[in-house]
Amino acid sequence: MSEIAKFGDTCDATVTRGAGATEIMGLEGVYEAVCYDKDGNIKWQDTIQNLTTNVGRQNLLQFYFVSPASTNAIVMGLMGASGGSSTPAYTDTQSSHSGWLEVGGTNAPTYSGTRKTPSFTTTTTANPAVLATSASVVFNMTSSGTVYGAFINASGSSTIDNTTGTLFSAGNFTAGSKTVSNGDTINVSYTLSAAG
């Protein structure tokens, strides 16, 4: 059997001028069936094309983002440059992302408080199933510097620069890095869709 589901997520942010970033994620499941005869010989094997239902995709997004257990807390942070650029990679983890740095703590610019906790709407049951933040996540900047993008962490800490948890998503602004100053506010919204 082969199960194919397409996931796409976007992260939009505005800093006075406005900017956006898009990240696309694919997810594919494969079912394989093998039939053995009474002597243990392979009689046949095959795969089956199938689909992911609307309610199945909704349930996946809902469980992970909207109704996570306390051990799967979702937080959002901001990204900065490592060595003059920000280059997220599919192999990045929260503890190892050499292509970019987290800003807000050790790395400028800083913002007030901790990593932010987004709130999400109920996932739609349409195709695609869509999950979105119910309100923008607000970062109140407390120093000047350059921001390159944003990331989402699951099951980690809200403490800036903490390396625990799972790095779910990371992406740069599509229009390039943004300069911020003390007193600026960055409002970030997040949308994730799963299509079959």
N, C-alpha and C. Protein backbone atom coordinates (compact mmCIF):
# COMPACT_ATOMS: atom_id res chain seq x y z
N MET A 1 0.84 -1.17 0.00
CA MET A 1 0.00 0.00 0.00
C MET A 1 0.89 1.23 0.00
N SER A 2 0.44 2.26 -0.60
CA SER A 2 1.19 3.51 -0.60
C SER A 2 0.26 4.61 -0.17
N GLU A 3 0.65 5.32 0.83
CA GLU A 3 -0.15 6.43 1.31
C GLU A 3 0.63 7.70 1.08
N ILE A 4 0.02 8.64 0.39
CA ILE A 4 0.71 9.88 0.08
C ILE A 4 -0.10 11.03 0.66
N ALA A 5 0.54 11.85 1.45
CA ALA A 5 -0.08 13.05 1.97
C ALA A 5 0.87 14.20 1.72
N LYS A 6 0.34 15.31 1.29
CA LYS A 6 1.17 16.48 1.04
C LYS A 6 0.92 17.49 2.14
N PHE A 7 1.98 17.95 2.77
CA PHE A 7 1.89 18.95 3.82
C PHE A 7 2.61 20.20 3.34
N GLY A 8 2.06 21.34 3.62
CA GLY A 8 2.74 22.60 3.32
C GLY A 8 2.50 23.54 4.47
N ASP A 9 3.50 24.29 4.82
CA ASP A 9 3.29 25.28 5.87
C ASP A 9 3.86 26.60 5.45
N THR A 10 3.27 27.66 5.95
CA THR A 10 3.77 28.99 5.68
C THR A 10 3.87 29.75 6.97
N CYS A 11 4.80 30.64 7.00
CA CYS A 11 4.99 31.49 8.16
C CYS A 11 5.08 32.91 7.64
N ASP A 12 4.17 33.75 8.02
CA ASP A 12 4.16 35.13 7.57
C ASP A 12 4.47 36.04 8.74
N ALA A 13 5.26 37.06 8.48
CA ALA A 13 5.61 38.01 9.52
C ALA A 13 5.61 39.41 8.96
N THR A 14 5.32 40.38 9.80
CA THR A 14 5.41 41.76 9.37
C THR A 14 6.26 42.55 10.35
N VAL A 15 7.13 43.38 9.80
CA VAL A 15 7.94 44.31 10.58
C VAL A 15 7.78 45.63 9.87
N THR A 16 6.80 46.37 10.19
CA THR A 16 6.48 47.62 9.57
C THR A 16 6.27 47.48 8.06
N ARG A 17 7.28 46.94 7.33
CA ARG A 17 7.22 46.83 5.88
C ARG A 17 6.49 45.58 5.43
N GLY A 18 6.50 44.53 6.23
CA GLY A 18 5.87 43.27 5.85
C GLY A 18 6.83 42.34 5.13
N ALA A 19 6.73 41.08 5.41
CA ALA A 19 7.57 40.07 4.78
C ALA A 19 6.90 38.72 4.93
N GLY A 20 7.38 37.74 4.24
CA GLY A 20 6.80 36.41 4.35
C GLY A 20 7.82 35.33 4.09
N ALA A 21 7.52 34.14 4.53
CA ALA A 21 8.37 32.99 4.26
C ALA A 21 7.47 31.79 4.01
N THR A 22 7.88 30.91 3.11
CA THR A 22 7.10 29.73 2.80
C THR A 22 7.97 28.50 2.92
N GLU A 23 7.46 27.48 3.54
CA GLU A 23 8.16 26.21 3.66
C GLU A 23 7.20 25.12 3.25
N ILE A 24 7.67 24.17 2.48
CA ILE A 24 6.82 23.07 2.05
C ILE A 24 7.39 21.77 2.57
N MET A 25 6.53 20.94 3.13
CA MET A 25 6.96 19.67 3.68
C MET A 25 6.12 18.57 3.04
N GLY A 26 6.76 17.51 2.63
CA GLY A 26 6.04 16.38 2.07
C GLY A 26 6.09 15.21 3.04
N LEU A 27 5.04 14.42 3.07
CA LEU A 27 4.96 13.26 3.93
C LEU A 27 4.40 12.12 3.12
N GLU A 28 5.11 10.99 3.10
CA GLU A 28 4.64 9.85 2.32
C GLU A 28 4.75 8.59 3.15
N GLY A 29 3.67 7.85 3.23
CA GLY A 29 3.66 6.56 3.91
C GLY A 29 3.50 5.46 2.89
N VAL A 30 4.17 4.34 3.09
CA VAL A 30 4.10 3.23 2.14
C VAL A 30 3.69 1.97 2.88
N TYR A 31 2.66 1.30 2.39
CA TYR A 31 2.24 0.01 2.89
C TYR A 31 2.68 -1.03 1.87
N GLU A 32 3.34 -2.06 2.33
CA GLU A 32 3.73 -3.16 1.45
C GLU A 32 3.15 -4.45 2.03
N ALA A 33 2.57 -5.27 1.18
CA ALA A 33 1.98 -6.53 1.61
C ALA A 33 2.73 -7.69 0.97
N VAL A 34 3.04 -8.71 1.76
CA VAL A 34 3.71 -9.91 1.26
C VAL A 34 2.91 -11.12 1.74
N CYS A 35 2.59 -12.03 0.82
CA CYS A 35 1.87 -13.26 1.16
C CYS A 35 2.85 -14.43 1.07
N TYR A 36 2.88 -15.24 2.14
CA TYR A 36 3.73 -16.43 2.17
C TYR A 36 2.86 -17.68 2.12
N ASP A 37 3.32 -18.70 1.41
CA ASP A 37 2.58 -19.96 1.42
C ASP A 37 2.90 -20.73 2.69
N LYS A 38 2.28 -21.91 2.84
CA LYS A 38 2.44 -22.68 4.07
C LYS A 38 3.87 -23.13 4.33
N ASP A 39 4.72 -23.11 3.28
CA ASP A 39 6.11 -23.51 3.43
C ASP A 39 7.04 -22.31 3.64
N GLY A 40 6.47 -21.11 3.74
CA GLY A 40 7.27 -19.91 3.97
C GLY A 40 7.82 -19.26 2.72
N ASN A 41 7.40 -19.73 1.54
CA ASN A 41 7.83 -19.12 0.28
C ASN A 41 6.95 -17.92 -0.05
N ILE A 42 7.53 -16.91 -0.64
CA ILE A 42 6.74 -15.74 -1.04
C ILE A 42 5.83 -16.14 -2.19
N LYS A 43 4.54 -15.96 -1.96
CA LYS A 43 3.54 -16.28 -2.98
C LYS A 43 3.29 -15.05 -3.86
N TRP A 44 3.17 -13.93 -3.20
CA TRP A 44 3.03 -12.66 -3.92
C TRP A 44 3.35 -11.51 -2.98
N GLN A 45 3.64 -10.34 -3.58
CA GLN A 45 3.80 -9.11 -2.82
C GLN A 45 3.33 -7.96 -3.68
N ASP A 46 2.83 -6.92 -3.03
CA ASP A 46 2.26 -5.80 -3.79
C ASP A 46 2.18 -4.57 -2.89
N THR A 47 1.95 -3.46 -3.52
CA THR A 47 1.67 -2.21 -2.82
C THR A 47 0.30 -1.73 -3.29
N ILE A 48 -0.33 -0.91 -2.49
CA ILE A 48 -1.65 -0.40 -2.83
C ILE A 48 -1.63 1.12 -2.74
N GLN A 49 -2.09 1.77 -3.81
CA GLN A 49 -2.25 3.23 -3.78
C GLN A 49 -3.49 3.54 -2.95
N ASN A 50 -3.37 4.49 -2.03
CA ASN A 50 -4.53 4.89 -1.24
C ASN A 50 -4.47 6.38 -0.96
N LEU A 51 -5.35 6.85 -0.15
CA LEU A 51 -5.40 8.27 0.16
C LEU A 51 -5.48 8.49 1.66
N THR A 52 -5.17 9.70 2.05
CA THR A 52 -5.34 10.11 3.44
C THR A 52 -6.64 10.90 3.51
N THR A 53 -7.52 10.56 4.41
CA THR A 53 -8.82 11.22 4.48
C THR A 53 -8.69 12.63 5.06
N ASN A 54 -9.68 13.44 4.78
CA ASN A 54 -9.71 14.80 5.33
C ASN A 54 -9.68 14.76 6.86
N VAL A 55 -10.49 13.88 7.46
CA VAL A 55 -10.54 13.84 8.93
C VAL A 55 -9.24 13.28 9.50
N GLY A 56 -8.57 12.42 8.77
CA GLY A 56 -7.28 11.90 9.23
C GLY A 56 -6.22 12.99 9.27
N ARG A 57 -6.17 13.81 8.23
CA ARG A 57 -5.21 14.93 8.20
C ARG A 57 -5.56 15.95 9.28
N GLN A 58 -6.86 16.21 9.44
CA GLN A 58 -7.28 17.15 10.48
C GLN A 58 -6.85 16.65 11.85
N ASN A 59 -7.05 15.37 12.10
CA ASN A 59 -6.71 14.79 13.39
C ASN A 59 -5.21 14.90 13.66
N LEU A 60 -4.39 14.65 12.66
CA LEU A 60 -2.94 14.75 12.82
C LEU A 60 -2.53 16.16 13.23
N LEU A 61 -3.02 17.16 12.50
CA LEU A 61 -2.67 18.55 12.81
C LEU A 61 -3.25 18.97 14.17
N GLN A 62 -4.48 18.57 14.41
CA GLN A 62 -5.16 18.93 15.66
C GLN A 62 -4.41 18.36 16.87
N PHE A 63 -4.05 17.09 16.79
CA PHE A 63 -3.37 16.42 17.89
C PHE A 63 -2.01 17.04 18.17
N TYR A 64 -1.27 17.36 17.13
CA TYR A 64 0.09 17.85 17.30
C TYR A 64 0.14 19.32 17.75
N PHE A 65 -0.76 20.15 17.20
CA PHE A 65 -0.67 21.59 17.44
C PHE A 65 -1.75 22.16 18.35
N VAL A 66 -2.99 21.76 18.18
CA VAL A 66 -4.08 22.40 18.90
C VAL A 66 -4.28 21.81 20.28
N SER A 67 -4.21 20.50 20.40
CA SER A 67 -4.44 19.85 21.69
C SER A 67 -3.23 19.04 22.13
N PRO A 68 -2.04 19.64 22.11
CA PRO A 68 -0.86 18.85 22.49
C PRO A 68 -0.83 18.61 24.00
N ALA A 69 -0.24 17.50 24.37
CA ALA A 69 -0.03 17.23 25.79
C ALA A 69 0.96 18.27 26.33
N SER A 70 1.01 18.43 27.62
CA SER A 70 1.91 19.42 28.20
C SER A 70 3.36 19.12 27.85
N THR A 71 3.66 17.88 27.53
CA THR A 71 5.03 17.53 27.14
C THR A 71 5.33 17.86 25.69
N ASN A 72 4.32 18.29 24.94
CA ASN A 72 4.52 18.65 23.54
C ASN A 72 4.21 20.13 23.34
N ALA A 73 4.62 20.97 24.28
CA ALA A 73 4.37 22.40 24.17
C ALA A 73 4.98 22.94 22.89
N ILE A 74 4.25 23.80 22.20
CA ILE A 74 4.70 24.39 20.96
C ILE A 74 5.15 25.82 21.24
N VAL A 75 6.37 26.17 20.81
CA VAL A 75 6.87 27.54 20.98
C VAL A 75 7.46 28.02 19.66
N MET A 76 7.52 29.35 19.51
CA MET A 76 8.05 29.98 18.31
C MET A 76 9.19 30.91 18.69
N GLY A 77 10.23 30.94 17.86
CA GLY A 77 11.36 31.83 18.07
C GLY A 77 11.77 32.48 16.77
N LEU A 78 12.76 33.36 16.87
CA LEU A 78 13.25 34.09 15.70
C LEU A 78 14.66 33.63 15.33
N MET A 79 14.98 33.73 14.05
CA MET A 79 16.27 33.26 13.55
C MET A 79 17.17 34.42 13.13
N GLY A 80 18.47 34.20 13.32
CA GLY A 80 19.47 35.16 12.88
C GLY A 80 20.54 34.46 12.06
N ALA A 81 21.57 35.20 11.70
CA ALA A 81 22.62 34.68 10.82
C ALA A 81 23.70 33.94 11.58
N SER A 82 24.25 32.96 10.91
CA SER A 82 25.44 32.25 11.39
C SER A 82 26.50 32.45 10.32
N GLY A 83 27.56 33.17 10.65
CA GLY A 83 28.60 33.43 9.65
C GLY A 83 28.14 34.35 8.54
N GLY A 84 27.21 35.24 8.82
CA GLY A 84 26.78 36.22 7.84
C GLY A 84 25.57 35.82 7.00
N SER A 85 25.07 34.60 7.19
CA SER A 85 23.88 34.19 6.44
C SER A 85 23.04 33.25 7.29
N SER A 86 21.82 33.02 6.84
CA SER A 86 20.91 32.09 7.51
C SER A 86 20.51 31.04 6.49
N THR A 87 20.88 29.79 6.75
CA THR A 87 20.62 28.72 5.81
C THR A 87 20.01 27.52 6.53
N PRO A 88 18.68 27.49 6.71
CA PRO A 88 18.05 26.32 7.33
C PRO A 88 18.22 25.10 6.42
N ALA A 89 18.32 23.93 7.04
CA ALA A 89 18.48 22.69 6.28
C ALA A 89 17.53 21.63 6.82
N TYR A 90 17.19 20.67 5.98
CA TYR A 90 16.30 19.58 6.39
C TYR A 90 16.89 18.76 7.52
N THR A 91 18.20 18.78 7.65
CA THR A 91 18.88 17.99 8.69
C THR A 91 19.00 18.75 10.01
N ASP A 92 18.54 19.99 10.07
CA ASP A 92 18.64 20.78 11.30
C ASP A 92 17.85 20.13 12.43
N THR A 93 18.37 20.28 13.64
CA THR A 93 17.66 19.92 14.86
C THR A 93 17.73 21.13 15.77
N GLN A 94 17.00 21.11 16.89
CA GLN A 94 17.07 22.25 17.81
C GLN A 94 18.46 22.38 18.42
N SER A 95 19.16 21.27 18.59
CA SER A 95 20.49 21.33 19.19
C SER A 95 21.60 21.48 18.15
N SER A 96 21.29 21.33 16.88
CA SER A 96 22.32 21.41 15.84
C SER A 96 21.76 22.03 14.57
N HIS A 97 22.03 23.32 14.39
CA HIS A 97 21.59 24.04 13.19
C HIS A 97 22.67 25.06 12.84
N SER A 98 23.75 24.56 12.26
CA SER A 98 24.93 25.38 12.00
C SER A 98 24.69 26.48 10.98
N GLY A 99 23.63 26.39 10.19
CA GLY A 99 23.36 27.40 9.17
C GLY A 99 22.65 28.65 9.68
N TRP A 100 22.23 28.66 10.93
CA TRP A 100 21.55 29.83 11.49
C TRP A 100 21.67 29.82 13.01
N LEU A 101 21.37 30.98 13.61
CA LEU A 101 21.40 31.14 15.06
C LEU A 101 20.03 31.59 15.54
N GLU A 102 19.71 31.28 16.78
CA GLU A 102 18.51 31.83 17.39
C GLU A 102 18.84 33.22 17.92
N VAL A 103 17.96 34.18 17.67
CA VAL A 103 18.14 35.52 18.24
C VAL A 103 17.20 35.68 19.43
N GLY A 104 17.48 36.70 20.24
CA GLY A 104 16.61 36.98 21.37
C GLY A 104 17.30 36.85 22.71
N GLY A 105 18.37 36.09 22.77
CA GLY A 105 19.10 35.87 24.03
C GLY A 105 20.56 36.24 23.84
N THR A 106 21.38 35.24 23.62
CA THR A 106 22.81 35.45 23.40
C THR A 106 23.08 36.26 22.15
N ASN A 107 22.28 36.06 21.12
CA ASN A 107 22.47 36.72 19.82
C ASN A 107 21.46 37.84 19.62
N ALA A 108 21.95 39.01 19.22
CA ALA A 108 21.09 40.16 18.94
C ALA A 108 20.35 39.93 17.62
N PRO A 109 19.20 40.55 17.48
CA PRO A 109 18.53 41.43 18.42
C PRO A 109 17.78 40.65 19.49
N THR A 110 17.48 41.31 20.59
CA THR A 110 16.76 40.67 21.68
C THR A 110 15.29 41.09 21.65
N TYR A 111 14.45 40.29 22.30
CA TYR A 111 13.04 40.64 22.46
C TYR A 111 12.64 40.31 23.89
N SER A 112 11.54 40.90 24.33
CA SER A 112 11.12 40.72 25.72
C SER A 112 10.56 39.33 25.97
N GLY A 113 10.82 38.84 27.17
CA GLY A 113 10.25 37.55 27.58
C GLY A 113 11.00 36.36 27.03
N THR A 114 10.25 35.29 26.82
CA THR A 114 10.79 34.01 26.37
C THR A 114 10.31 33.75 24.94
N ARG A 115 10.63 32.57 24.43
CA ARG A 115 10.04 32.16 23.15
C ARG A 115 8.52 32.24 23.31
N LYS A 116 7.84 32.51 22.24
CA LYS A 116 6.40 32.76 22.31
C LYS A 116 5.60 31.48 22.06
N THR A 117 4.45 31.38 22.72
CA THR A 117 3.57 30.23 22.58
C THR A 117 2.39 30.60 21.70
N PRO A 118 2.34 30.07 20.47
CA PRO A 118 1.21 30.40 19.59
C PRO A 118 -0.06 29.66 19.99
N SER A 119 -1.19 30.27 19.69
CA SER A 119 -2.50 29.62 19.85
C SER A 119 -3.01 29.31 18.45
N PHE A 120 -3.65 28.14 18.29
CA PHE A 120 -4.10 27.71 16.98
C PHE A 120 -5.61 27.56 16.93
N THR A 121 -6.16 27.77 15.73
CA THR A 121 -7.58 27.53 15.49
C THR A 121 -7.79 26.02 15.34
N THR A 122 -9.03 25.60 15.37
CA THR A 122 -9.35 24.21 15.08
C THR A 122 -9.04 23.94 13.62
N THR A 123 -8.41 22.83 13.34
CA THR A 123 -8.04 22.47 11.98
C THR A 123 -9.28 22.22 11.14
N THR A 124 -9.27 22.71 9.90
CA THR A 124 -10.41 22.48 9.00
C THR A 124 -10.43 21.04 8.53
N THR A 125 -11.59 20.56 8.08
CA THR A 125 -11.70 19.20 7.57
C THR A 125 -11.74 19.18 6.05
N ALA A 126 -11.45 20.29 5.42
CA ALA A 126 -11.45 20.36 3.96
C ALA A 126 -10.18 19.71 3.42
N ASN A 127 -10.07 19.64 2.11
CA ASN A 127 -8.84 19.20 1.47
C ASN A 127 -8.26 20.40 0.75
N PRO A 128 -7.20 20.99 1.24
CA PRO A 128 -6.35 20.52 2.33
C PRO A 128 -6.92 20.87 3.71
N ALA A 129 -6.49 20.09 4.71
CA ALA A 129 -6.78 20.43 6.10
C ALA A 129 -5.84 21.59 6.45
N VAL A 130 -6.38 22.64 7.03
CA VAL A 130 -5.58 23.84 7.30
C VAL A 130 -5.61 24.17 8.78
N LEU A 131 -4.44 24.44 9.31
CA LEU A 131 -4.25 24.87 10.69
C LEU A 131 -3.64 26.26 10.63
N ALA A 132 -4.08 27.16 11.48
CA ALA A 132 -3.52 28.52 11.49
C ALA A 132 -3.50 29.06 12.91
N THR A 133 -2.59 29.98 13.15
CA THR A 133 -2.59 30.65 14.45
C THR A 133 -3.87 31.47 14.55
N SER A 134 -4.46 31.49 15.74
CA SER A 134 -5.69 32.24 15.93
C SER A 134 -5.42 33.73 16.10
N ALA A 135 -4.20 34.08 16.42
CA ALA A 135 -3.76 35.47 16.52
C ALA A 135 -2.27 35.50 16.23
N SER A 136 -1.78 36.63 15.82
CA SER A 136 -0.34 36.75 15.56
C SER A 136 0.45 36.55 16.84
N VAL A 137 1.61 35.95 16.70
CA VAL A 137 2.55 35.81 17.80
C VAL A 137 3.37 37.10 17.81
N VAL A 138 3.46 37.76 18.96
CA VAL A 138 4.05 39.10 19.03
C VAL A 138 5.42 39.05 19.70
N PHE A 139 6.42 39.58 19.01
CA PHE A 139 7.77 39.72 19.54
C PHE A 139 8.04 41.22 19.71
N ASN A 140 8.20 41.67 20.96
CA ASN A 140 8.51 43.06 21.25
C ASN A 140 10.03 43.20 21.35
N MET A 141 10.62 43.86 20.36
CA MET A 141 12.07 43.93 20.26
C MET A 141 12.63 44.91 21.30
N THR A 142 13.73 44.51 21.94
CA THR A 142 14.35 45.33 22.98
C THR A 142 15.75 45.77 22.60
N SER A 143 16.21 45.45 21.39
CA SER A 143 17.49 45.94 20.89
C SER A 143 17.46 45.91 19.37
N SER A 144 18.48 46.47 18.77
CA SER A 144 18.58 46.52 17.31
C SER A 144 19.35 45.32 16.78
N GLY A 145 19.09 44.98 15.52
CA GLY A 145 19.80 43.89 14.87
C GLY A 145 19.07 43.44 13.63
N THR A 146 19.43 42.25 13.17
CA THR A 146 18.85 41.70 11.94
C THR A 146 18.18 40.37 12.23
N VAL A 147 16.96 40.23 11.73
CA VAL A 147 16.19 38.99 11.86
C VAL A 147 16.07 38.38 10.47
N TYR A 148 16.28 37.07 10.39
CA TYR A 148 16.25 36.37 9.11
C TYR A 148 15.00 35.52 8.91
N GLY A 149 14.36 35.10 9.99
CA GLY A 149 13.20 34.23 9.84
C GLY A 149 12.66 33.79 11.18
N ALA A 150 11.94 32.67 11.19
CA ALA A 150 11.31 32.16 12.41
C ALA A 150 11.38 30.64 12.41
N PHE A 151 11.14 30.07 13.60
CA PHE A 151 11.12 28.62 13.74
C PHE A 151 10.06 28.20 14.75
N ILE A 152 9.67 26.93 14.67
CA ILE A 152 8.74 26.35 15.64
C ILE A 152 9.39 25.13 16.26
N ASN A 153 9.28 25.04 17.59
CA ASN A 153 9.83 23.94 18.37
C ASN A 153 8.69 23.25 19.10
N ALA A 154 8.75 21.92 19.14
CA ALA A 154 7.76 21.13 19.88
C ALA A 154 8.47 20.35 20.98
N SER A 155 7.85 20.28 22.12
CA SER A 155 8.34 19.50 23.27
C SER A 155 9.61 20.06 23.90
N GLY A 156 9.95 21.28 23.56
CA GLY A 156 11.15 21.88 24.14
C GLY A 156 10.79 22.88 25.22
N SER A 157 11.67 23.83 25.39
CA SER A 157 11.52 24.84 26.42
C SER A 157 11.20 26.19 25.80
N SER A 158 10.54 27.04 26.56
CA SER A 158 10.29 28.40 26.10
C SER A 158 11.50 29.30 26.33
N THR A 159 12.53 28.77 26.98
CA THR A 159 13.74 29.54 27.24
C THR A 159 14.52 29.76 25.95
N ILE A 160 14.81 31.01 25.65
CA ILE A 160 15.59 31.33 24.45
C ILE A 160 16.95 30.65 24.53
N ASP A 161 17.41 30.11 23.40
CA ASP A 161 18.69 29.41 23.25
C ASP A 161 18.68 28.00 23.83
N ASN A 162 17.56 27.54 24.37
CA ASN A 162 17.49 26.17 24.87
C ASN A 162 17.53 25.21 23.68
N THR A 163 18.25 24.11 23.81
CA THR A 163 18.45 23.19 22.69
C THR A 163 17.61 21.91 22.78
N THR A 164 16.66 21.85 23.71
CA THR A 164 15.83 20.65 23.84
C THR A 164 14.63 20.72 22.90
N GLY A 165 13.95 19.61 22.75
CA GLY A 165 12.75 19.57 21.94
C GLY A 165 13.04 19.26 20.49
N THR A 166 11.97 19.25 19.71
CA THR A 166 12.05 18.93 18.28
C THR A 166 11.87 20.19 17.45
N LEU A 167 12.83 20.48 16.60
CA LEU A 167 12.70 21.59 15.67
C LEU A 167 11.74 21.14 14.58
N PHE A 168 10.54 21.69 14.58
CA PHE A 168 9.52 21.27 13.61
C PHE A 168 9.68 22.00 12.29
N SER A 169 9.94 23.29 12.34
CA SER A 169 9.96 24.11 11.14
C SER A 169 10.92 25.27 11.34
N ALA A 170 11.61 25.65 10.28
CA ALA A 170 12.49 26.82 10.30
C ALA A 170 12.55 27.38 8.90
N GLY A 171 12.46 28.69 8.77
CA GLY A 171 12.51 29.28 7.44
C GLY A 171 12.88 30.75 7.46
N ASN A 172 13.48 31.18 6.35
CA ASN A 172 13.87 32.58 6.17
C ASN A 172 12.74 33.38 5.53
N PHE A 173 12.74 34.69 5.76
CA PHE A 173 11.84 35.59 5.05
C PHE A 173 12.12 35.47 3.56
N THR A 174 11.09 35.43 2.74
CA THR A 174 11.30 35.29 1.30
C THR A 174 11.93 36.54 0.69
N ALA A 175 11.71 37.70 1.28
CA ALA A 175 12.24 38.94 0.74
C ALA A 175 13.58 39.33 1.37
N GLY A 176 14.18 38.44 2.13
CA GLY A 176 15.49 38.72 2.72
C GLY A 176 15.40 39.16 4.17
N SER A 177 16.56 39.34 4.76
CA SER A 177 16.65 39.69 6.18
C SER A 177 16.01 41.04 6.47
N LYS A 178 15.61 41.23 7.73
CA LYS A 178 14.93 42.45 8.15
C LYS A 178 15.67 43.10 9.31
N THR A 179 15.86 44.40 9.24
CA THR A 179 16.49 45.15 10.31
C THR A 179 15.42 45.63 11.28
N VAL A 180 15.67 45.44 12.57
CA VAL A 180 14.74 45.89 13.59
C VAL A 180 15.47 46.77 14.59
N SER A 181 14.71 47.57 15.31
CA SER A 181 15.26 48.46 16.33
C SER A 181 14.52 48.27 17.63
N ASN A 182 15.11 48.71 18.72
CA ASN A 182 14.47 48.69 20.03
C ASN A 182 13.12 49.39 19.93
N GLY A 183 12.07 48.74 20.40
CA GLY A 183 10.72 49.30 20.34
C GLY A 183 9.89 48.78 19.18
N ASP A 184 10.52 48.14 18.18
CA ASP A 184 9.77 47.55 17.08
C ASP A 184 8.99 46.32 17.58
N THR A 185 7.95 45.98 16.87
CA THR A 185 7.16 44.79 17.16
C THR A 185 7.09 43.94 15.90
N ILE A 186 7.38 42.66 16.03
CA ILE A 186 7.24 41.71 14.92
C ILE A 186 6.03 40.84 15.24
N ASN A 187 5.04 40.84 14.36
CA ASN A 187 3.85 40.01 14.49
C ASN A 187 3.97 38.86 13.50
N VAL A 188 3.95 37.63 14.01
CA VAL A 188 4.13 36.45 13.16
C VAL A 188 2.89 35.57 13.21
N SER A 189 2.35 35.23 12.04
CA SER A 189 1.27 34.26 11.96
C SER A 189 1.81 33.02 11.25
N TYR A 190 1.16 31.88 11.49
CA TYR A 190 1.64 30.62 10.96
C TYR A 190 0.48 29.81 10.43
N THR A 191 0.63 29.24 9.24
CA THR A 191 -0.38 28.41 8.62
C THR A 191 0.27 27.12 8.17
N LEU A 192 -0.39 26.00 8.43
CA LEU A 192 0.10 24.69 8.03
C LEU A 192 -1.03 23.96 7.35
N SER A 193 -0.78 23.40 6.16
CA SER A 193 -1.83 22.68 5.46
C SER A 193 -1.38 21.28 5.10
N ALA A 194 -2.32 20.37 5.08
CA ALA A 194 -2.06 18.98 4.73
C ALA A 194 -3.05 18.57 3.66
N ALA A 195 -2.55 18.23 2.49
CA ALA A 195 -3.42 17.85 1.37
C ALA A 195 -3.16 16.42 0.97
N GLY A 196 -4.16 15.78 0.45
CA GLY A 196 -4.02 14.41 0.00
C GLY A 196 -4.19 14.32 -1.48
